[in-house]
All heavy atoms as atom14 arrays in JSON, in Angstrom:
{
  "sequence": "IRLLNNQKKIFDCWDDNKKVRYLANKHIPKLNFKKINK",
  "atom14_mask": [
    [1, 1, 1, 1, 1, 1, 1, 1, 0, 0, 0, 0, 0, 0],
    [1, 1, 1, 1, 1, 1, 1, 1, 1, 1, 1, 0, 0, 0],
    [1, 1, 1, 1, 1, 1, 1, 1, 0, 0, 0, 0, 0, 0],
    [1, 1, 1, 1, 1, 1, 1, 1, 0, 0, 0, 0, 0, 0],
    [1, 1, 1, 1, 1, 1, 1, 1, 0, 0, 0, 0, 0, 0],
    [1, 1, 1, 1, 1, 1, 1, 1, 0, 0, 0, 0, 0, 0],
    [1, 1, 1, 1, 1, 1, 1, 1, 1, 0, 0, 0, 0, 0],
    [1, 1, 1, 1, 1, 1, 1, 1, 1, 0, 0, 0, 0, 0],
    [1, 1, 1, 1, 1, 1, 1, 1, 1, 0, 0, 0, 0, 0],
    [1, 1, 1, 1, 1, 1, 1, 1, 0, 0, 0, 0, 0, 0],
    [1, 1, 1, 1, 1, 1, 1, 1, 1, 1, 1, 0, 0, 0],
    [1, 1, 1, 1, 1, 1, 1, 1, 0, 0, 0, 0, 0, 0],
    [1, 1, 1, 1, 1, 1, 0, 0, 0, 0, 0, 0, 0, 0],
    [1, 1, 1, 1, 1, 1, 1, 1, 1, 1, 1, 1, 1, 1],
    [1, 1, 1, 1, 1, 1, 1, 1, 0, 0, 0, 0, 0, 0],
    [1, 1, 1, 1, 1, 1, 1, 1, 0, 0, 0, 0, 0, 0],
    [1, 1, 1, 1, 1, 1, 1, 1, 0, 0, 0, 0, 0, 0],
    [1, 1, 1, 1, 1, 1, 1, 1, 1, 0, 0, 0, 0, 0],
    [1, 1, 1, 1, 1, 1, 1, 1, 1, 0, 0, 0, 0, 0],
    [1, 1, 1, 1, 1, 1, 1, 0, 0, 0, 0, 0, 0, 0],
    [1, 1, 1, 1, 1, 1, 1, 1, 1, 1, 1, 0, 0, 0],
    [1, 1, 1, 1, 1, 1, 1, 1, 1, 1, 1, 1, 0, 0],
    [1, 1, 1, 1, 1, 1, 1, 1, 0, 0, 0, 0, 0, 0],
    [1, 1, 1, 1, 1, 0, 0, 0, 0, 0, 0, 0, 0, 0],
    [1, 1, 1, 1, 1, 1, 1, 1, 0, 0, 0, 0, 0, 0],
    [1, 1, 1, 1, 1, 1, 1, 1, 1, 0, 0, 0, 0, 0],
    [1, 1, 1, 1, 1, 1, 1, 1, 1, 1, 0, 0, 0, 0],
    [1, 1, 1, 1, 1, 1, 1, 1, 0, 0, 0, 0, 0, 0],
    [1, 1, 1, 1, 1, 1, 1, 0, 0, 0, 0, 0, 0, 0],
    [1, 1, 1, 1, 1, 1, 1, 1, 1, 0, 0, 0, 0, 0],
    [1, 1, 1, 1, 1, 1, 1, 1, 0, 0, 0, 0, 0, 0],
    [1, 1, 1, 1, 1, 1, 1, 1, 0, 0, 0, 0, 0, 0],
    [1, 1, 1, 1, 1, 1, 1, 1, 1, 1, 1, 0, 0, 0],
    [1, 1, 1, 1, 1, 1, 1, 1, 1, 0, 0, 0, 0, 0],
    [1, 1, 1, 1, 1, 1, 1, 1, 1, 0, 0, 0, 0, 0],
    [1, 1, 1, 1, 1, 1, 1, 1, 0, 0, 0, 0, 0, 0],
    [1, 1, 1, 1, 1, 1, 1, 1, 0, 0, 0, 0, 0, 0],
    [1, 1, 1, 1, 1, 1, 1, 1, 1, 0, 0, 0, 0, 0]
  ],
  "atom14_positions": [
    [[0.82, -1.22, -0.01], [0.02, 0.03, -0.01], [0.87, 1.26, 0.0], [0.6, 2.22, -0.72], [-0.97, -0.05, 1.21], [-2.11, -0.99, 0.91], [-1.5, 1.37, 1.52], [-3.04, -1.18, 2.08], [0.0, 0.0, 0.0], [0.0, 0.0, 0.0], [0.0, 0.0, 0.0], [0.0, 0.0, 0.0], [0.0, 0.0, 0.0], [0.0, 0.0, 0.0]],
    [[1.92, 1.25, 0.82], [2.8, 2.47, 0.88], [3.45, 2.7, -0.49], [3.51, 3.83, -0.95], [3.88, 2.29, 1.93], [3.42, 2.7, 3.29], [4.56, 2.73, 4.29], [4.14, 2.07, 5.5], [4.32, 0.8, 5.84], [4.98, 0.01, 5.02], [3.88, 0.3, 6.96], [0.0, 0.0, 0.0], [0.0, 0.0, 0.0], [0.0, 0.0, 0.0]],
    [[3.89, 1.61, -1.16], [4.55, 1.78, -2.45], [3.53, 2.27, -3.46], [3.8, 3.18, -4.24], [5.19, 0.44, -2.85], [5.93, 0.45, -4.19], [7.05, 1.53, -4.16], [6.52, -0.94, -4.49], [0.0, 0.0, 0.0], [0.0, 0.0, 0.0], [0.0, 0.0, 0.0], [0.0, 0.0, 0.0], [0.0, 0.0, 0.0], [0.0, 0.0, 0.0]],
    [[2.35, 1.64, -3.56], [1.35, 2.11, -4.49], [0.91, 3.52, -4.24], [0.75, 4.31, -5.17], [0.08, 1.2, -4.38], [0.23, -0.27, -4.85], [-1.05, -1.09, -4.57], [0.62, -0.35, -6.34], [0.0, 0.0, 0.0], [0.0, 0.0, 0.0], [0.0, 0.0, 0.0], [0.0, 0.0, 0.0], [0.0, 0.0, 0.0], [0.0, 0.0, 0.0]],
    [[0.82, 3.89, -2.97], [0.47, 5.22, -2.59], [1.55, 6.22, -2.99], [1.24, 7.31, -3.56], [0.26, 5.29, -1.05], [-0.61, 6.44, -0.62], [-1.57, 6.83, -1.3], [-0.3, 7.0, 0.53], [0.0, 0.0, 0.0], [0.0, 0.0, 0.0], [0.0, 0.0, 0.0], [0.0, 0.0, 0.0], [0.0, 0.0, 0.0], [0.0, 0.0, 0.0]],
    [[2.82, 5.86, -2.81], [3.92, 6.74, -3.19], [3.99, 6.9, -4.7], [4.46, 7.94, -5.21], [5.25, 6.19, -2.7], [5.47, 6.32, -1.21], [4.76, 7.13, -0.58], [6.35, 5.54, -0.64], [0.0, 0.0, 0.0], [0.0, 0.0, 0.0], [0.0, 0.0, 0.0], [0.0, 0.0, 0.0], [0.0, 0.0, 0.0], [0.0, 0.0, 0.0]],
    [[3.56, 5.92, -5.42], [3.56, 5.97, -6.89], [2.27, 6.59, -7.45], [2.09, 6.61, -8.63], [3.71, 4.49, -7.48], [5.06, 3.92, -7.16], [5.17, 2.49, -7.62], [4.19, 1.79, -7.86], [6.41, 1.99, -7.76], [0.0, 0.0, 0.0], [0.0, 0.0, 0.0], [0.0, 0.0, 0.0], [0.0, 0.0, 0.0], [0.0, 0.0, 0.0]],
    [[1.46, 7.08, -6.52], [0.23, 7.76, -6.89], [-0.75, 6.88, -7.63], [-1.51, 7.34, -8.5], [0.48, 9.07, -7.67], [1.48, 9.99, -7.05], [0.87, 10.77, -5.93], [1.83, 11.84, -5.44], [2.23, 11.72, -4.06], [0.0, 0.0, 0.0], [0.0, 0.0, 0.0], [0.0, 0.0, 0.0], [0.0, 0.0, 0.0], [0.0, 0.0, 0.0]],
    [[-0.72, 5.59, -7.36], [-1.66, 4.64, -8.03], [-2.95, 4.6, -7.31], [-3.02, 4.83, -6.06], [-1.01, 3.26, -8.1], [0.19, 3.24, -9.01], [0.57, 1.86, -9.42], [1.7, 1.91, -10.38], [2.15, 0.61, -10.76], [0.0, 0.0, 0.0], [0.0, 0.0, 0.0], [0.0, 0.0, 0.0], [0.0, 0.0, 0.0], [0.0, 0.0, 0.0]],
    [[-4.0, 4.28, -8.01], [-5.34, 4.15, -7.43], [-5.55, 2.71, -7.03], [-5.28, 1.79, -7.81], [-6.46, 4.59, -8.44], [-6.22, 6.09, -8.81], [-7.78, 4.38, -7.87], [-7.06, 6.46, -9.99], [0.0, 0.0, 0.0], [0.0, 0.0, 0.0], [0.0, 0.0, 0.0], [0.0, 0.0, 0.0], [0.0, 0.0, 0.0], [0.0, 0.0, 0.0]],
    [[-5.98, 2.49, -5.8], [-6.2, 1.12, -5.31], [-7.27, 1.14, -4.22], [-7.51, 2.1, -3.56], [-4.86, 0.54, -4.79], [-4.33, 1.31, -3.62], [-4.66, 0.9, -2.32], [-3.46, 2.32, -3.8], [-4.17, 1.57, -1.22], [-2.95, 3.02, -2.71], [-3.3, 2.63, -1.42], [0.0, 0.0, 0.0], [0.0, 0.0, 0.0], [0.0, 0.0, 0.0]],
    [[-7.89, -0.04, -4.14], [-8.79, -0.33, -3.02], [-8.1, -1.42, -2.15], [-7.17, -2.1, -2.62], [-10.1, -0.92, -3.47], [-10.89, 0.07, -4.37], [-10.76, 1.3, -4.13], [-11.6, -0.37, -5.27], [0.0, 0.0, 0.0], [0.0, 0.0, 0.0], [0.0, 0.0, 0.0], [0.0, 0.0, 0.0], [0.0, 0.0, 0.0], [0.0, 0.0, 0.0]],
    [[-8.5, -1.49, -0.93], [-7.84, -2.49, -0.03], [-8.89, -3.01, 1.0], [-9.95, -2.4, 1.21], [-6.63, -1.89, 0.66], [-7.01, -0.46, 1.69], [0.0, 0.0, 0.0], [0.0, 0.0, 0.0], [0.0, 0.0, 0.0], [0.0, 0.0, 0.0], [0.0, 0.0, 0.0], [0.0, 0.0, 0.0], [0.0, 0.0, 0.0], [0.0, 0.0, 0.0]],
    [[-8.46, -4.15, 1.61], [-9.37, -4.78, 2.59], [-8.57, -5.67, 3.48], [-7.58, -6.33, 3.05], [-10.45, -5.5, 1.96], [-11.5, -6.08, 2.93], [-11.56, -7.36, 3.36], [-12.48, -5.32, 3.61], [-12.58, -7.46, 4.26], [-13.16, -6.25, 4.41], [-12.86, -4.02, 3.59], [-14.21, -5.83, 5.26], [-13.91, -3.62, 4.4], [-14.59, -4.54, 5.21]],
    [[-9.01, -5.76, 4.75], [-8.56, -6.78, 5.64], [-9.83, -7.19, 6.41], [-10.63, -6.36, 6.79], [-7.5, -6.27, 6.61], [-6.76, -7.41, 7.34], [-7.39, -8.04, 8.22], [-5.59, -7.66, 7.01], [0.0, 0.0, 0.0], [0.0, 0.0, 0.0], [0.0, 0.0, 0.0], [0.0, 0.0, 0.0], [0.0, 0.0, 0.0], [0.0, 0.0, 0.0]],
    [[-9.94, -8.49, 6.67], [-11.17, -8.97, 7.4], [-11.21, -8.49, 8.81], [-12.3, -8.47, 9.42], [-11.25, -10.49, 7.32], [-11.45, -10.99, 5.91], [-12.09, -10.27, 5.09], [-11.0, -12.12, 5.64], [0.0, 0.0, 0.0], [0.0, 0.0, 0.0], [0.0, 0.0, 0.0], [0.0, 0.0, 0.0], [0.0, 0.0, 0.0], [0.0, 0.0, 0.0]],
    [[-10.08, -8.13, 9.39], [-9.99, -7.74, 10.79], [-10.25, -6.19, 10.88], [-9.45, -5.39, 10.34], [-8.6, -8.08, 11.34], [-8.48, -7.83, 12.79], [-8.96, -6.78, 13.34], [-7.8, -8.72, 13.5], [0.0, 0.0, 0.0], [0.0, 0.0, 0.0], [0.0, 0.0, 0.0], [0.0, 0.0, 0.0], [0.0, 0.0, 0.0], [0.0, 0.0, 0.0]],
    [[-11.28, -5.8, 11.59], [-11.65, -4.4, 11.68], [-10.57, -3.57, 12.39], [-10.27, -2.44, 11.98], [-12.95, -4.3, 12.48], [-13.55, -2.93, 12.59], [-14.88, -2.92, 13.3], [-15.48, -1.55, 13.38], [-16.78, -1.54, 14.01], [0.0, 0.0, 0.0], [0.0, 0.0, 0.0], [0.0, 0.0, 0.0], [0.0, 0.0, 0.0], [0.0, 0.0, 0.0]],
    [[-9.93, -4.15, 13.4], [-8.85, -3.44, 14.09], [-7.67, -3.17, 13.16], [-7.05, -2.07, 13.17], [-8.38, -4.21, 15.3], [-7.36, -3.54, 16.14], [-7.01, -4.33, 17.39], [-5.98, -3.61, 18.18], [-5.57, -4.35, 19.37], [0.0, 0.0, 0.0], [0.0, 0.0, 0.0], [0.0, 0.0, 0.0], [0.0, 0.0, 0.0], [0.0, 0.0, 0.0]],
    [[-7.34, -4.14, 12.35], [-6.26, -3.99, 11.37], [-6.57, -2.87, 10.35], [-5.73, -2.05, 10.02], [-5.95, -5.31, 10.61], [-4.99, -5.13, 9.47], [-5.43, -6.37, 11.6], [0.0, 0.0, 0.0], [0.0, 0.0, 0.0], [0.0, 0.0, 0.0], [0.0, 0.0, 0.0], [0.0, 0.0, 0.0], [0.0, 0.0, 0.0], [0.0, 0.0, 0.0]],
    [[-7.84, -2.83, 9.92], [-8.23, -1.74, 9.0], [-8.11, -0.39, 9.66], [-7.66, 0.57, 9.09], [-9.69, -1.96, 8.5], [-9.86, -3.11, 7.55], [-11.21, -3.09, 6.87], [-12.38, -2.98, 7.75], [-13.01, -3.99, 8.27], [-12.65, -5.23, 8.02], [-14.06, -3.8, 9.04], [0.0, 0.0, 0.0], [0.0, 0.0, 0.0], [0.0, 0.0, 0.0]],
    [[-8.53, -0.3, 10.97], [-8.44, 0.93, 11.73], [-6.97, 1.4, 11.8], [-6.63, 2.55, 11.54], [-9.02, 0.74, 13.13], [-8.77, 1.92, 14.02], [-9.49, 3.06, 13.94], [-7.74, 1.81, 14.96], [-9.23, 4.15, 14.75], [-7.47, 2.87, 15.8], [-8.23, 4.06, 15.7], [-7.92, 5.1, 16.54], [0.0, 0.0, 0.0], [0.0, 0.0, 0.0]],
    [[-6.06, 0.45, 12.15], [-4.67, 0.85, 12.28], [-4.04, 1.21, 10.93], [-3.22, 2.12, 10.86], [-3.87, -0.35, 12.93], [-4.21, -0.62, 14.33], [-3.52, -1.96, 14.79], [-3.78, 0.52, 15.26], [0.0, 0.0, 0.0], [0.0, 0.0, 0.0], [0.0, 0.0, 0.0], [0.0, 0.0, 0.0], [0.0, 0.0, 0.0], [0.0, 0.0, 0.0]],
    [[-4.44, 0.54, 9.87], [-3.96, 0.88, 8.54], [-4.36, 2.29, 8.18], [-3.55, 3.06, 7.67], [-4.47, -0.11, 7.5], [0.0, 0.0, 0.0], [0.0, 0.0, 0.0], [0.0, 0.0, 0.0], [0.0, 0.0, 0.0], [0.0, 0.0, 0.0], [0.0, 0.0, 0.0], [0.0, 0.0, 0.0], [0.0, 0.0, 0.0], [0.0, 0.0, 0.0]],
    [[-5.61, 2.61, 8.42], [-6.12, 3.93, 8.12], [-5.44, 4.99, 8.96], [-5.35, 6.17, 8.54], [-7.67, 3.99, 8.25], [-8.25, 5.11, 7.42], [-7.86, 5.27, 6.26], [-9.19, 5.81, 8.0], [0.0, 0.0, 0.0], [0.0, 0.0, 0.0], [0.0, 0.0, 0.0], [0.0, 0.0, 0.0], [0.0, 0.0, 0.0], [0.0, 0.0, 0.0]],
    [[-5.06, 4.64, 10.16], [-4.38, 5.57, 11.04], [-2.97, 5.93, 10.46], [-2.54, 7.06, 10.51], [-4.23, 4.96, 12.41], [-3.83, 5.88, 13.51], [-3.92, 5.17, 14.86], [-3.51, 6.08, 15.97], [-3.52, 5.46, 17.26], [0.0, 0.0, 0.0], [0.0, 0.0, 0.0], [0.0, 0.0, 0.0], [0.0, 0.0, 0.0], [0.0, 0.0, 0.0]],
    [[-2.31, 4.93, 9.89], [-0.96, 5.15, 9.31], [-1.02, 5.82, 7.93], [-0.17, 6.59, 7.57], [-0.19, 3.82, 9.21], [0.19, 3.24, 10.54], [1.08, 3.84, 11.34], [-0.25, 2.13, 11.16], [1.26, 3.13, 12.42], [0.43, 2.06, 12.34], [0.0, 0.0, 0.0], [0.0, 0.0, 0.0], [0.0, 0.0, 0.0], [0.0, 0.0, 0.0]],
    [[-2.03, 5.44, 7.15], [-2.21, 6.07, 5.84], [-3.67, 6.5, 5.77], [-4.56, 5.72, 5.41], [-1.88, 5.08, 4.74], [-0.41, 4.54, 4.91], [-2.05, 5.7, 3.32], [-0.12, 3.46, 3.91], [0.0, 0.0, 0.0], [0.0, 0.0, 0.0], [0.0, 0.0, 0.0], [0.0, 0.0, 0.0], [0.0, 0.0, 0.0], [0.0, 0.0, 0.0]],
    [[-3.9, 7.78, 6.0], [-5.29, 8.28, 5.96], [-5.95, 8.16, 4.65], [-5.26, 8.15, 3.61], [-5.15, 9.75, 6.41], [-3.78, 9.85, 7.03], [-2.95, 8.81, 6.43], [0.0, 0.0, 0.0], [0.0, 0.0, 0.0], [0.0, 0.0, 0.0], [0.0, 0.0, 0.0], [0.0, 0.0, 0.0], [0.0, 0.0, 0.0], [0.0, 0.0, 0.0]],
    [[-7.26, 8.08, 4.63], [-8.06, 8.12, 3.42], [-7.87, 6.87, 2.56], [-7.99, 6.91, 1.34], [-7.85, 9.36, 2.6], [-8.21, 10.64, 3.36], [-7.96, 11.86, 2.52], [-8.3, 13.09, 3.38], [-7.99, 14.34, 2.68], [0.0, 0.0, 0.0], [0.0, 0.0, 0.0], [0.0, 0.0, 0.0], [0.0, 0.0, 0.0], [0.0, 0.0, 0.0]],
    [[-7.65, 5.7, 3.17], [-7.56, 4.5, 2.41], [-9.02, 4.16, 1.94], [-9.97, 4.43, 2.61], [-7.03, 3.34, 3.22], [-5.56, 3.39, 3.52], [-5.17, 2.28, 4.47], [-4.75, 3.29, 2.26], [0.0, 0.0, 0.0], [0.0, 0.0, 0.0], [0.0, 0.0, 0.0], [0.0, 0.0, 0.0], [0.0, 0.0, 0.0], [0.0, 0.0, 0.0]],
    [[-9.09, 3.58, 0.75], [-10.38, 3.18, 0.18], [-10.65, 1.73, 0.47], [-10.15, 0.85, -0.25], [-10.38, 3.47, -1.29], [-11.8, 3.45, -1.85], [-12.78, 3.55, -1.15], [-11.88, 3.29, -3.15], [0.0, 0.0, 0.0], [0.0, 0.0, 0.0], [0.0, 0.0, 0.0], [0.0, 0.0, 0.0], [0.0, 0.0, 0.0], [0.0, 0.0, 0.0]],
    [[-11.39, 1.44, 1.57], [-11.65, 0.05, 1.92], [-12.85, -0.44, 1.18], [-13.94, 0.14, 1.17], [-11.93, -0.03, 3.42], [-10.76, 0.27, 4.29], [-10.7, 1.4, 5.1], [-9.69, -0.6, 4.32], [-9.62, 1.64, 5.88], [-8.55, -0.33, 5.12], [-8.55, 0.79, 5.88], [0.0, 0.0, 0.0], [0.0, 0.0, 0.0], [0.0, 0.0, 0.0]],
    [[-12.67, -1.61, 0.53], [-13.79, -2.28, -0.19], [-13.63, -3.77, 0.02], [-12.59, -4.35, -0.34], [-13.79, -1.96, -1.72], [-14.21, -0.58, -2.02], [-14.56, -0.42, -3.47], [-15.01, 1.0, -3.68], [-15.12, 1.33, -5.12], [0.0, 0.0, 0.0], [0.0, 0.0, 0.0], [0.0, 0.0, 0.0], [0.0, 0.0, 0.0], [0.0, 0.0, 0.0]],
    [[-14.68, -4.35, 0.56], [-14.7, -5.8, 0.78], [-14.74, -6.49, -0.6], [-15.28, -5.96, -1.58], [-15.95, -6.12, 1.62], [-15.88, -7.54, 2.14], [-17.02, -7.74, 3.15], [-16.88, -9.1, 3.84], [-17.85, -9.32, 4.86], [0.0, 0.0, 0.0], [0.0, 0.0, 0.0], [0.0, 0.0, 0.0], [0.0, 0.0, 0.0], [0.0, 0.0, 0.0]],
    [[-14.15, -7.68, -0.65], [-14.13, -8.42, -1.89], [-15.57, -8.65, -2.38], [-16.4, -9.1, -1.61], [-13.41, -9.77, -1.71], [-11.94, -9.58, -1.54], [-13.67, -10.7, -2.86], [-11.14, -10.83, -1.31], [0.0, 0.0, 0.0], [0.0, 0.0, 0.0], [0.0, 0.0, 0.0], [0.0, 0.0, 0.0], [0.0, 0.0, 0.0], [0.0, 0.0, 0.0]],
    [[-15.79, -8.34, -3.59], [-17.1, -8.53, -4.23], [-16.89, -9.33, -5.5], [-16.16, -8.98, -6.39], [-17.68, -7.14, -4.55], [-19.0, -7.23, -5.21], [-19.25, -8.03, -6.13], [-19.92, -6.35, -4.78], [0.0, 0.0, 0.0], [0.0, 0.0, 0.0], [0.0, 0.0, 0.0], [0.0, 0.0, 0.0], [0.0, 0.0, 0.0], [0.0, 0.0, 0.0]],
    [[-17.53, -10.52, -5.58], [-17.3, -11.44, -6.74], [-17.6, -10.75, -8.09], [-16.95, -11.07, -9.06], [-18.16, -12.69, -6.57], [-17.72, -13.58, -5.48], [-18.6, -14.8, -5.38], [-18.2, -15.64, -4.16], [-19.04, -16.81, -3.99], [0.0, 0.0, 0.0], [0.0, 0.0, 0.0], [0.0, 0.0, 0.0], [0.0, 0.0, 0.0], [0.0, 0.0, 0.0]]
  ]
}
């Protein structure tokens, strides 16, 4: 995520653990969380 973010790439991300998502967003604000959709 940090590398994609530094390269200004557009991406969505997800982790099944809510606490992990919270911590990720704390380190890199404005992450676009999207659960896997078939």
